[in-house]
C-alpha atoms as a PDB file:
ATOM      1  CA  UNK A   1       0.117  -0.133  -0.005  1.00  0.00           C
ATOM      2  CA  UNK A   2       1.425   3.355  -0.744  1.00  0.00           C
ATOM      3  CA  UNK A   3       2.382   5.604   1.715  1.00  0.00           C
ATOM      4  CA  UNK A   4       1.525   9.493   1.632  1.00  0.00           C
ATOM      5  CA  UNK A   5       2.855  12.345   3.515  1.00  0.00           C
ATOM      6  CA  UNK A   6       0.924  15.359   3.889  1.00  0.00           C
ATOM      7  CA  UNK A   7       2.822  18.592   4.481  1.00  0.00           C
ATOM      8  CA  UNK A   8       1.597  22.158   5.285  1.00  0.00           C
ATOM      9  CA  UNK A   9       4.101  24.995   4.946  1.00  0.00           C
ATOM     10  CA  UNK A  10       3.196  27.417   7.598  1.00  0.00           C
ATOM     11  CA  UNK A  11       4.400  31.038   8.078  1.00  0.00           C
ATOM     12  CA  UNK A  12       2.441  33.052  10.503  1.00  0.00           C
ATOM     13  CA  UNK A  13      -0.579  30.902  10.370  1.00  0.00           C
ATOM     14  CA  UNK A  14      -1.334  30.539  13.918  1.00  0.00           C
ATOM     15  CA  UNK A  15      -5.009  31.654  13.180  1.00  0.00           C
ATOM     16  CA  UNK A  16      -5.293  29.128  10.501  1.00  0.00           C
ATOM     17  CA  UNK A  17      -3.312  26.245  11.340  1.00  0.00           C
ATOM     18  CA  UNK A  18      -5.989  24.626  13.672  1.00  0.00           C
ATOM     19  CA  UNK A  19      -8.754  24.637  11.058  1.00  0.00           C
ATOM     20  CA  UNK A  20      -6.185  23.169   8.665  1.00  0.00           C
ATOM     21  CA  UNK A  21      -5.342  20.111  11.023  1.00  0.00           C
ATOM     22  CA  UNK A  22      -8.715  19.714  12.267  1.00  0.00           C
ATOM     23  CA  UNK A  23     -10.258  19.523   9.053  1.00  0.00           C
ATOM     24  CA  UNK A  24      -7.777  16.325   8.403  1.00  0.00           C
ATOM     25  CA  UNK A  25      -9.020  14.387  10.911  1.00  0.00           C
ATOM     26  CA  UNK A  26     -11.461  12.342   9.217  1.00  0.00           C
ATOM     27  CA  UNK A  27      -8.834  11.688   6.497  1.00  0.00           C
ATOM     28  CA  UNK A  28      -6.372  10.029   8.530  1.00  0.00           C
ATOM     29  CA  UNK A  29      -8.291   6.822   8.629  1.00  0.00           C
ATOM     30  CA  UNK A  30      -8.507   6.385   4.747  1.00  0.00           C
ATOM     31  CA  UNK A  31      -4.800   5.781   3.974  1.00  0.00           C
ATOM     32  CA  UNK A  32      -1.361   5.446   5.495  1.00  0.00           C
ATOM     33  CA  UNK A  33      -0.760   9.048   5.878  1.00  0.00           C
ATOM     34  CA  UNK A  34       1.735  11.085   7.950  1.00  0.00           C
ATOM     35  CA  UNK A  35       1.059  14.770   8.715  1.00  0.00           C
ATOM     36  CA  UNK A  36       4.290  17.042   8.755  1.00  0.00           C
ATOM     37  CA  UNK A  37       4.218  20.860   9.573  1.00  0.00           C
ATOM     38  CA  UNK A  38       7.316  22.852   8.524  1.00  0.00           C
ATOM     39  CA  UNK A  39       7.098  26.386  10.164  1.00  0.00           C
ATOM     40  CA  UNK A  40       9.201  29.068   8.268  1.00  0.00           C
ATOM     41  CA  UNK A  41      10.797  30.846  11.184  1.00  0.00           C
ATOM     42  CA  UNK A  42       7.209  32.217  12.043  1.00  0.00           C
ATOM     43  CA  UNK A  43       7.327  34.844  14.855  1.00  0.00           C
ATOM     44  CA  UNK A  44       3.620  34.490  15.793  1.00  0.00           C
ATOM     45  CA  UNK A  45       3.677  31.121  18.167  1.00  0.00           C
ATOM     46  CA  UNK A  46       2.980  28.495  15.545  1.00  0.00           C
ATOM     47  CA  UNK A  47       5.322  26.322  17.014  1.00  0.00           C
ATOM     48  CA  UNK A  48       3.862  26.807  20.295  1.00  0.00           C
ATOM     49  CA  UNK A  49       0.470  26.217  19.123  1.00  0.00           C
ATOM     50  CA  UNK A  50       1.455  22.811  17.576  1.00  0.00           C
ATOM     51  CA  UNK A  51       3.236  21.616  20.944  1.00  0.00           C
ATOM     52  CA  UNK A  52       0.163  22.814  23.144  1.00  0.00           C
ATOM     53  CA  UNK A  53      -2.802  21.655  20.989  1.00  0.00           C
ATOM     54  CA  UNK A  54      -1.267  19.184  18.464  1.00  0.00           C
ATOM     55  CA  UNK A  55       1.751  17.255  20.127  1.00  0.00           C
ATOM     56  CA  UNK A  56       1.215  14.373  17.896  1.00  0.00           C
ATOM     57  CA  UNK A  57       1.833  16.147  14.992  1.00  0.00           C
ATOM     58  CA  UNK A  58       5.536  16.261  13.791  1.00  0.00           C
ATOM     59  CA  UNK A  59       6.872  19.850  13.207  1.00  0.00           C
ATOM     60  CA  UNK A  60      10.107  20.732  11.500  1.00  0.00           C
ATOM     61  CA  UNK A  61      11.309  24.378  12.541  1.00  0.00           C
ATOM     62  CA  UNK A  62      13.331  26.028   9.912  1.00  0.00           C
ATOM     63  CA  UNK A  63      15.434  28.984  10.957  1.00  0.00           C
ATOM     64  CA  UNK A  64      15.010  30.810   8.122  1.00  0.00           C
ATOM     65  CA  UNK A  65      12.161  31.374   5.489  1.00  0.00           C
ATOM     66  CA  UNK A  66      12.579  28.876   2.902  1.00  0.00           C
ATOM     67  CA  UNK A  67       9.139  29.133   0.999  1.00  0.00           C
ATOM     68  CA  UNK A  68       6.802  26.700  -0.233  1.00  0.00           C
ATOM     69  CA  UNK A  69       9.199  24.984  -2.539  1.00  0.00           C
ATOM     70  CA  UNK A  70      12.154  24.637  -0.165  1.00  0.00           C
ATOM     71  CA  UNK A  71       9.960  23.181   2.636  1.00  0.00           C
ATOM     72  CA  UNK A  72       8.793  20.599   0.021  1.00  0.00           C
ATOM     73  CA  UNK A  73      12.265  19.823  -0.985  1.00  0.00           C
ATOM     74  CA  UNK A  74      13.374  19.512   2.529  1.00  0.00           C
ATOM     75  CA  UNK A  75      10.727  17.009   3.250  1.00  0.00           C
ATOM     76  CA  UNK A  76      10.993  14.790   0.469  1.00  0.00           C
ATOM     77  CA  UNK A  77      14.757  14.485   1.305  1.00  0.00           C
ATOM     78  CA  UNK A  78      13.919  13.439   4.975  1.00  0.00           C
ATOM     79  CA  UNK A  79      10.776  11.179   4.648  1.00  0.00           C
ATOM     80  CA  UNK A  80      10.175   8.079   2.640  1.00  0.00           C
ATOM     81  CA  UNK A  81       6.741   8.441   0.868  1.00  0.00           C
ATOM     82  CA  UNK A  82       5.102   7.477  -2.575  1.00  0.00           C
ATOM     83  CA  UNK A  83       3.311  10.543  -2.603  1.00  0.00           C
ATOM     84  CA  UNK A  84       3.217  13.901  -0.955  1.00  0.00           C
ATOM     85  CA  UNK A  85       0.375  16.337  -0.785  1.00  0.00           C
ATOM     86  CA  UNK A  86       1.636  19.962  -0.369  1.00  0.00           C
ATOM     87  CA  UNK A  87      -0.569  22.538   1.191  1.00  0.00           C
ATOM     88  CA  UNK A  88      -0.771  26.113   2.215  1.00  0.00           C
ATOM     89  CA  UNK A  89      -2.113  27.358   5.811  1.00  0.00           C
ATOM     90  CA  UNK A  90      -5.348  28.511   4.348  1.00  0.00           C
ATOM     91  CA  UNK A  91      -6.821  25.446   3.054  1.00  0.00           C
ATOM     92  CA  UNK A  92      -9.612  23.290   4.776  1.00  0.00           C
ATOM     93  CA  UNK A  93     -10.144  19.892   3.485  1.00  0.00           C
ATOM     94  CA  UNK A  94     -13.669  18.780   2.746  1.00  0.00           C
ATOM     95  CA  UNK A  95     -14.584  15.246   4.209  1.00  0.00           C
ATOM     96  CA  UNK A  96     -13.133  12.642   1.824  1.00  0.00           C
ATOM     97  CA  UNK A  97     -11.184  15.186  -0.308  1.00  0.00           C
ATOM     98  CA  UNK A  98      -7.767  13.737  -0.131  1.00  0.00           C
ATOM     99  CA  UNK A  99      -8.378  10.097  -0.869  1.00  0.00           C
ATOM    100  CA  UNK A 100      -9.485  10.874  -4.665  1.00  0.00           C
ATOM    101  CA  UNK A 101      -6.332  12.529  -4.992  1.00  0.00           C
ATOM    102  CA  UNK A 102      -4.319   9.758  -3.989  1.00  0.00           C
ATOM    103  CA  UNK A 103      -6.523   7.267  -5.965  1.00  0.00           C
ATOM    104  CA  UNK A 104      -5.925   9.225  -8.872  1.00  0.00           C
ATOM    105  CA  UNK A 105      -2.140   9.242  -8.883  1.00  0.00           C
ATOM    106  CA  UNK A 106      -2.163   5.289  -7.881  1.00  0.00           C
ATOM    107  CA  UNK A 107      -4.491   4.527 -10.943  1.00  0.00           C
ATOM    108  CA  UNK A 108      -2.804   6.756 -13.434  1.00  0.00           C
ATOM    109  CA  UNK A 109       1.069   5.968 -13.440  1.00  0.00           C
ATOM    110  CA  UNK A 110       1.738   8.729 -16.018  1.00  0.00           C
ATOM    111  CA  UNK A 111       0.422  11.321 -14.028  1.00  0.00           C
ATOM    112  CA  UNK A 112       3.005  13.280 -12.031  1.00  0.00           C
ATOM    113  CA  UNK A 113       0.712  16.004 -10.043  1.00  0.00           C
ATOM    114  CA  UNK A 114      -2.958  16.235  -9.352  1.00  0.00           C
ATOM    115  CA  UNK A 115      -4.882  18.903  -7.896  1.00  0.00           C
ATOM    116  CA  UNK A 116      -8.687  19.274  -6.417  1.00  0.00           C
ATOM    117  CA  UNK A 117     -11.109  21.723  -7.134  1.00  0.00           C
ATOM    118  CA  UNK A 118     -10.599  24.788  -4.910  1.00  0.00           C
ATOM    119  CA  UNK A 119     -13.655  26.790  -3.652  1.00  0.00           C
ATOM    120  CA  UNK A 120     -14.011  29.940  -1.728  1.00  0.00           C
ATOM    121  CA  UNK A 121     -15.152  29.767   1.747  1.00  0.00           C
ATOM    122  CA  UNK A 122     -18.656  30.788   0.887  1.00  0.00           C
ATOM    123  CA  UNK A 123     -18.880  27.824  -1.408  1.00  0.00           C
ATOM    124  CA  UNK A 124     -18.644  29.402  -4.912  1.00  0.00           C
ATOM    125  CA  UNK A 125     -15.887  27.907  -7.696  1.00  0.00           C
ATOM    126  CA  UNK A 126     -12.154  28.964  -7.529  1.00  0.00           C
ATOM    127  CA  UNK A 127      -9.530  28.533 -10.081  1.00  0.00           C
ATOM    128  CA  UNK A 128      -7.521  25.411  -9.579  1.00  0.00           C
ATOM    129  CA  UNK A 129      -5.195  25.773 -12.721  1.00  0.00           C
ATOM    130  CA  UNK A 130      -4.311  28.076 -15.320  1.00  0.00           C
ATOM    131  CA  UNK A 131      -2.016  28.842 -18.120  1.00  0.00           C
ATOM    132  CA  UNK A 132       1.640  29.305 -17.396  1.00  0.00           C
ATOM    133  CA  UNK A 133       3.001  32.689 -17.844  1.00  0.00           C
ATOM    134  CA  UNK A 134       3.536  33.730 -21.393  1.00  0.00           C
ATOM    135  CA  UNK A 135       2.271  35.745 -24.561  1.00  0.00           C
ATOM    136  CA  UNK A 136      -0.741  33.303 -24.932  1.00  0.00           C
ATOM    137  CA  UNK A 137      -1.801  33.541 -21.483  1.00  0.00           C
ATOM    138  CA  UNK A 138      -1.247  37.252 -21.507  1.00  0.00           C
ATOM    139  CA  UNK A 139      -3.390  37.843 -24.786  1.00  0.00           C
ATOM    140  CA  UNK A 140      -6.222  35.766 -23.062  1.00  0.00           C
ATOM    141  CA  UNK A 141      -6.114  38.046 -20.050  1.00  0.00           C
ATOM    142  CA  UNK A 142      -6.248  41.026 -22.133  1.00  0.00           C
ATOM    143  CA  UNK A 143      -9.052  40.159 -24.465  1.00  0.00           C
ATOM    144  CA  UNK A 144     -11.058  38.988 -21.453  1.00  0.00           C
ATOM    145  CA  UNK A 145     -11.111  35.196 -22.539  1.00  0.00           C
ATOM    146  CA  UNK A 146      -9.654  34.255 -18.943  1.00  0.00           C
ATOM    147  CA  UNK A 147     -12.361  36.116 -17.320  1.00  0.00           C
ATOM    148  CA  UNK A 148     -15.099  34.700 -19.508  1.00  0.00           C
ATOM    149  CA  UNK A 149     -14.077  31.118 -18.816  1.00  0.00           C
ATOM    150  CA  UNK A 150     -13.663  31.800 -14.978  1.00  0.00           C
ATOM    151  CA  UNK A 151     -17.151  33.260 -15.182  1.00  0.00           C
ATOM    152  CA  UNK A 152     -18.738  30.307 -17.124  1.00  0.00           C
ATOM    153  CA  UNK A 153     -17.022  27.931 -14.915  1.00  0.00           C
ATOM    154  CA  UNK A 154     -18.522  29.820 -11.762  1.00  0.00           C
ATOM    155  CA  UNK A 155     -21.934  29.500 -13.325  1.00  0.00           C
ATOM    156  CA  UNK A 156     -21.535  25.946 -13.845  1.00  0.00           C
ATOM    157  CA  UNK A 157     -20.245  25.270 -10.637  1.00  0.00           C
ATOM    158  CA  UNK A 158     -16.788  24.673 -11.955  1.00  0.00           C
ATOM    159  CA  UNK A 159     -17.230  20.889 -12.234  1.00  0.00           C
ATOM    160  CA  UNK A 160     -14.856  18.964 -14.773  1.00  0.00           C
ATOM    161  CA  UNK A 161     -16.412  16.090 -16.471  1.00  0.00           C
ATOM    162  CA  UNK A 162     -14.999  12.889 -15.587  1.00  0.00           C
ATOM    163  CA  UNK A 163     -13.452  11.935 -18.946  1.00  0.00           C
ATOM    164  CA  UNK A 164      -9.782  12.787 -20.209  1.00  0.00           C
ATOM    165  CA  UNK A 165     -10.700  16.601 -20.393  1.00  0.00           C
ATOM    166  CA  UNK A 166      -9.453  16.559 -16.473  1.00  0.00           C
ATOM    167  CA  UNK A 167      -5.990  16.062 -17.718  1.00  0.00           C
ATOM    168  CA  UNK A 168      -4.170  19.028 -18.382  1.00  0.00           C
ATOM    169  CA  UNK A 169      -1.525  19.094 -21.206  1.00  0.00           C
ATOM    170  CA  UNK A 170      -0.763  22.570 -21.177  1.00  0.00           C
ATOM    171  CA  UNK A 171      -0.771  24.649 -18.056  1.00  0.00           C
ATOM    172  CA  UNK A 172      -0.280  24.320 -14.565  1.00  0.00           C
ATOM    173  CA  UNK A 173      -2.093  23.478 -11.220  1.00  0.00           C
ATOM    174  CA  UNK A 174      -2.398  25.704  -8.504  1.00  0.00           C
ATOM    175  CA  UNK A 175      -0.008  25.695  -5.661  1.00  0.00           C
ATOM    176  CA  UNK A 176      -2.519  26.187  -2.981  1.00  0.00           C
ATOM    177  CA  UNK A 177      -2.710  22.323  -2.615  1.00  0.00           C
ATOM    178  CA  UNK A 178      -0.700  19.727  -4.907  1.00  0.00           C
ATOM    179  CA  UNK A 179      -0.683  15.977  -4.800  1.00  0.00           C
ATOM    180  CA  UNK A 180       2.442  15.008  -6.258  1.00  0.00           C
ATOM    181  CA  UNK A 181       4.133  11.582  -6.948  1.00  0.00           C
ATOM    182  CA  UNK A 182       7.441  11.762  -5.397  1.00  0.00           C
ATOM    183  CA  UNK A 183       9.230   9.870  -7.975  1.00  0.00           C
ATOM    184  CA  UNK A 184       8.253  12.562 -10.613  1.00  0.00           C
ATOM    185  CA  UNK A 185       9.223  15.195  -8.083  1.00  0.00           C
ATOM    186  CA  UNK A 186      12.704  13.610  -7.471  1.00  0.00           C
ATOM    187  CA  UNK A 187      13.211  13.310 -11.268  1.00  0.00           C
ATOM    188  CA  UNK A 188      12.965  16.772 -12.067  1.00  0.00           C
ATOM    189  CA  UNK A 189      15.001  17.929  -8.802  1.00  0.00           C
ATOM    190  CA  UNK A 190      11.999  19.087  -6.892  1.00  0.00           C
ATOM    191  CA  UNK A 191      10.887  22.488  -6.578  1.00  0.00           C
ATOM    192  CA  UNK A 192      13.221  25.319  -7.883  1.00  0.00           C
ATOM    193  CA  UNK A 193      14.270  27.378  -5.089  1.00  0.00           C
ATOM    194  CA  UNK A 194      14.570  30.514  -7.150  1.00  0.00           C
ATOM    195  CA  UNK A 195      10.860  30.706  -6.686  1.00  0.00           C
ATOM    196  CA  UNK A 196      10.357  30.813  -2.953  1.00  0.00           C
ATOM    197  CA  UNK A 197       6.839  32.028  -2.755  1.00  0.00           C
ATOM    198  CA  UNK A 198       4.972  32.513  -6.196  1.00  0.00           C
ATOM    199  CA  UNK A 199       5.159  31.084  -9.320  1.00  0.00           C
ATOM    200  CA  UNK A 200       6.744  27.778  -7.948  1.00  0.00           C
ATOM    201  CA  UNK A 201       3.515  25.841  -9.079  1.00  0.00           C
ATOM    202  CA  UNK A 202       3.810  27.311 -12.672  1.00  0.00           C
ATOM    203  CA  UNK A 203       7.392  26.446 -12.850  1.00  0.00           C
ATOM    204  CA  UNK A 204       7.138  23.011 -11.337  1.00  0.00           C
ATOM    205  CA  UNK A 205       4.361  21.681 -13.440  1.00  0.00           C
ATOM    206  CA  UNK A 206       6.324  23.222 -16.601  1.00  0.00           C
ATOM    207  CA  UNK A 207       9.416  21.121 -15.785  1.00  0.00           C
ATOM    208  CA  UNK A 208       7.025  18.060 -15.099  1.00  0.00           C
ATOM    209  CA  UNK A 209       5.641  18.669 -18.440  1.00  0.00           C
ATOM    210  CA  UNK A 210       9.177  18.789 -20.301  1.00  0.00           C
ATOM    211  CA  UNK A 211      10.227  15.164 -19.013  1.00  0.00           C
ATOM    212  CA  UNK A 212       6.692  13.601 -19.768  1.00  0.00           C
ATOM    213  CA  UNK A 213       4.620  13.758 -16.848  1.00  0.00           C
ATOM    214  CA  UNK A 214       0.982  14.689 -17.149  1.00  0.00           C
ATOM    215  CA  UNK A 215      -1.009  16.889 -14.893  1.00  0.00           C
ATOM    216  CA  UNK A 216      -4.577  16.328 -13.812  1.00  0.00           C
ATOM    217  CA  UNK A 217      -7.524  18.089 -11.698  1.00  0.00           C
ATOM    218  CA  UNK A 218      -9.524  15.894  -9.659  1.00  0.00           C
ATOM    219  CA  UNK A 219     -13.113  17.485  -9.250  1.00  0.00           C
ATOM    220  CA  UNK A 220     -14.506  15.024  -6.842  1.00  0.00           C
ATOM    221  CA  UNK A 221     -11.914  16.289  -4.470  1.00  0.00           C
ATOM    222  CA  UNK A 222     -13.108  19.830  -3.015  1.00  0.00           C
ATOM    223  CA  UNK A 223     -11.086  21.823  -0.619  1.00  0.00           C
ATOM    224  CA  UNK A 224     -11.731  25.438   0.575  1.00  0.00           C
ATOM    225  CA  UNK A 225      -8.768  27.996  -0.126  1.00  0.00           C
ATOM    226  CA  UNK A 226      -8.736  31.579   1.002  1.00  0.00           C
ATOM    227  CA  UNK A 227      -6.165  32.279  -1.950  1.00  0.00           C
ATOM    228  CA  UNK A 228      -3.901  34.953  -0.802  1.00  0.00           C
ATOM    229  CA  UNK A 229      -6.181  37.291   1.012  1.00  0.00           C
ATOM    230  CA  UNK A 230      -4.187  37.426   3.945  1.00  0.00           C
ATOM    231  CA  UNK A 231      -0.883  38.411   1.653  1.00  0.00           C
ATOM    232  CA  UNK A 232      -3.343  41.018  -0.252  1.00  0.00           C
ATOM    233  CA  UNK A 233      -4.351  42.415   2.876  1.00  0.00           C
ATOM    234  CA  UNK A 234      -1.247  42.508   4.985  1.00  0.00           C
ATOM    235  CA  UNK A 235       1.179  43.782   2.543  1.00  0.00           C
ATOM    236  CA  UNK A 236      -0.527  44.282  -1.057  1.00  0.00           C
ATOM    237  CA  UNK A 237       2.466  46.387  -2.252  1.00  0.00           C
ATOM    238  CA  UNK A 238       4.757  43.539  -1.450  1.00  0.00           C
ATOM    239  CA  UNK A 239       2.540  40.954  -2.853  1.00  0.00           C
ATOM    240  CA  UNK A 240       2.289  42.909  -6.247  1.00  0.00           C
ATOM    241  CA  UNK A 241       6.101  43.022  -6.390  1.00  0.00           C
ATOM    242  CA  UNK A 242       6.635  39.533  -5.464  1.00  0.00           C
ATOM    243  CA  UNK A 243       4.201  38.074  -8.073  1.00  0.00           C
ATOM    244  CA  UNK A 244       5.412  40.290 -10.950  1.00  0.00           C
ATOM    245  CA  UNK A 245       9.062  39.567 -10.469  1.00  0.00           C
ATOM    246  CA  UNK A 246       8.629  35.876 -10.000  1.00  0.00           C
ATOM    247  CA  UNK A 247       6.273  35.736 -13.197  1.00  0.00           C
ATOM    248  CA  UNK A 248       9.182  37.568 -15.061  1.00  0.00           C
ATOM    249  CA  UNK A 249      11.808  35.378 -13.481  1.00  0.00           C
ATOM    250  CA  UNK A 250       9.742  32.272 -15.356  1.00  0.00           C
ATOM    251  CA  UNK A 251       9.497  33.928 -18.388  1.00  0.00           C
ATOM    252  CA  UNK A 252      12.995  34.883 -18.855  1.00  0.00           C
ATOM    253  CA  UNK A 253      13.955  31.395 -17.871  1.00  0.00           C
ATOM    254  CA  UNK A 254      11.549  29.429 -20.011  1.00  0.00           C
ATOM    255  CA  UNK A 255      10.692  31.903 -22.739  1.00  0.00           C
ATOM    256  CA  UNK A 256      12.444  33.112 -26.114  1.00  0.00           C
ATOM    257  CA  UNK A 257      13.418  36.802 -25.366  1.00  0.00           C
ATOM    258  CA  UNK A 258      11.058  38.173 -27.840  1.00  0.00           C
ATOM    259  CA  UNK A 259       7.885  36.131 -26.235  1.00  0.00           C
ATOM    260  CA  UNK A 260       9.304  37.648 -22.912  1.00  0.00           C
ATOM    261  CA  UNK A 261       9.107  41.088 -24.116  1.00  0.00           C
ATOM    262  CA  UNK A 262       5.557  40.740 -25.595  1.00  0.00           C
ATOM    263  CA  UNK A 263       4.450  38.952 -22.292  1.00  0.00           C
ATOM    264  CA  UNK A 264       5.491  41.726 -20.149  1.00  0.00           C
ATOM    265  CA  UNK A 265       4.117  44.579 -22.189  1.00  0.00           C
ATOM    266  CA  UNK A 266       0.944  43.033 -22.320  1.00  0.00           C
ATOM    267  CA  UNK A 267       0.882  42.363 -18.654  1.00  0.00           C
ATOM    268  CA  UNK A 268       1.748  46.181 -17.909  1.00  0.00           C
ATOM    269  CA  UNK A 269      -1.482  46.900 -20.287  1.00  0.00           C
ATOM    270  CA  UNK A 270      -3.507  44.410 -18.912  1.00  0.00           C
ATOM    271  CA  UNK A 271      -3.272  45.539 -15.165  1.00  0.00           C
ATOM    272  CA  UNK A 272      -3.422  49.190 -15.886  1.00  0.00           C
ATOM    273  CA  UNK A 273      -6.590  48.434 -17.457  1.00  0.00           C
ATOM    274  CA  UNK A 274      -7.697  46.609 -14.555  1.00  0.00           C
ATOM    275  CA  UNK A 275      -6.652  49.606 -12.495  1.00  0.00           C
ATOM    276  CA  UNK A 276      -8.761  51.830 -14.787  1.00  0.00           C
ATOM    277  CA  UNK A 277     -11.827  49.515 -14.462  1.00  0.00           C
ATOM    278  CA  UNK A 278     -11.553  49.435 -10.623  1.00  0.00           C
ATOM    279  CA  UNK A 279     -11.204  53.313 -10.435  1.00  0.00           C
ATOM    280  CA  UNK A 280     -14.131  53.540 -12.518  1.00  0.00           C
ATOM    281  CA  UNK A 281     -16.202  51.123 -10.579  1.00  0.00           C
ATOM    282  CA  UNK A 282     -14.887  53.131  -7.158  1.00  0.00           C
ATOM    283  CA  UNK A 283     -16.443  56.426  -8.601  1.00  0.00           C
ATOM    284  CA  UNK A 284     -19.836  54.944  -9.943  1.00  0.00           C
ATOM    285  CA  UNK A 285     -20.814  52.328  -7.499  1.00  0.00           C
ATOM    286  CA  UNK A 286     -20.890  53.896  -3.830  1.00  0.00           C
ATOM    287  CA  UNK A 287     -21.501  50.865  -1.832  1.00  0.00           C
ATOM    288  CA  UNK A 288     -18.195  49.345  -3.737  1.00  0.00           C
ATOM    289  CA  UNK A 289     -15.940  52.306  -2.800  1.00  0.00           C
ATOM    290  CA  UNK A 290     -13.512  50.974  -0.515  1.00  0.00           C
ATOM    291  CA  UNK A 291     -12.979  47.459  -2.026  1.00  0.00           C
ATOM    292  CA  UNK A 292     -13.132  48.880  -5.650  1.00  0.00           C
ATOM    293  CA  UNK A 293     -10.341  51.502  -4.351  1.00  0.00           C
ATOM    294  CA  UNK A 294      -8.109  48.810  -2.896  1.00  0.00           C
ATOM    295  CA  UNK A 295      -8.345  46.773  -5.938  1.00  0.00           C
ATOM    296  CA  UNK A 296      -7.462  49.617  -8.115  1.00  0.00           C
ATOM    297  CA  UNK A 297      -4.332  50.423  -6.068  1.00  0.00           C
ATOM    298  CA  UNK A 298      -3.383  46.731  -6.213  1.00  0.00           C
ATOM    299  CA  UNK A 299      -3.976  46.656 -10.020  1.00  0.00           C
ATOM    300  CA  UNK A 300      -1.880  49.814 -10.314  1.00  0.00           C
ATOM    301  CA  UNK A 301       0.889  48.226  -8.317  1.00  0.00           C
ATOM    302  CA  UNK A 302       1.058  45.121 -10.537  1.00  0.00           C
ATOM    303  CA  UNK A 303       1.203  47.457 -13.640  1.00  0.00           C
ATOM    304  CA  UNK A 304       4.007  49.639 -12.303  1.00  0.00           C
ATOM    305  CA  UNK A 305       6.029  46.504 -11.137  1.00  0.00           C
ATOM    306  CA  UNK A 306       5.490  44.773 -14.674  1.00  0.00           C
ATOM    307  CA  UNK A 307       6.761  48.198 -16.250  1.00  0.00           C
ATOM    308  CA  UNK A 308       9.756  47.951 -13.910  1.00  0.00           C
ATOM    309  CA  UNK A 309      10.660  44.326 -14.741  1.00  0.00           C
ATOM    310  CA  UNK A 310      10.146  45.306 -18.449  1.00  0.00           C
ATOM    311  CA  UNK A 311      12.740  47.939 -18.451  1.00  0.00           C
ATOM    312  CA  UNK A 312      15.121  46.164 -16.215  1.00  0.00           C
ATOM    313  CA  UNK A 313      17.951  44.341 -18.049  1.00  0.00           C
ATOM    314  CA  UNK A 314      17.771  40.488 -18.200  1.00  0.00           C
ATOM    315  CA  UNK A 315      19.928  39.117 -15.167  1.00  0.00           C
ATOM    316  CA  UNK A 316      19.869  42.359 -13.524  1.00  0.00           C
END
């Protein structure tokens, strides 16, 4: 029987970690599962919470902030497992949401990574996969194709049919929660430490695809994901800078110079357009003034950061 390690990467997650671990309680009898928490040098008492309320859960304390990928690489080196489920701290598992992920990996040997259907806390559809950064993805964003696809999925409850369309031959799985085949992860050398916080999921899935592993979404598995709301609320400027910088790093690593130039230019245009639309909403919809104003500033920050990346020399 295969062995699965469930890894949670925590940083200042003391307010969420308890819910995450309690949501796993009914999953632990389904498969041989080991739960491990890696704390990224949190100053908020995360380790103390674990020792006090969850003494049975192994915890690895990092003296430095390794990020999502670094913590995963450390775990796979230390623990012997067939599959590893890597999760952010802002995820809550629905009953029987973990077993379908492991079962899919066991029954599809060509698949190196799978992801669940993510939903928002109020029960609506949430994006669980996407296109890797590049000119095609940017054109789709700018023309509204991506937004239309998201709206359609939201109204259709976001369910993928149980056929080969669940396999993704082009794109990536969202890193809020990833179920990985350890052999596949070892084959590509694990996560790239150059992506400590964002875009590590797109980079990992891109490299898995390059050596022949496939990706899949398993829609019968559902989890609740807050999706970066804490980061955006606490430090929107830092979040915007990190997101644009890591996407730019991916583009410069994986795309031709001409496509990278096109991609960055289109992203500047896209986020400036989103900034203008949010500002217009702020001025015309009184009840949305605060939220729309915050989004306008966030999109302006993204446009400015992509513009800086565009003019910055490669390798700088």
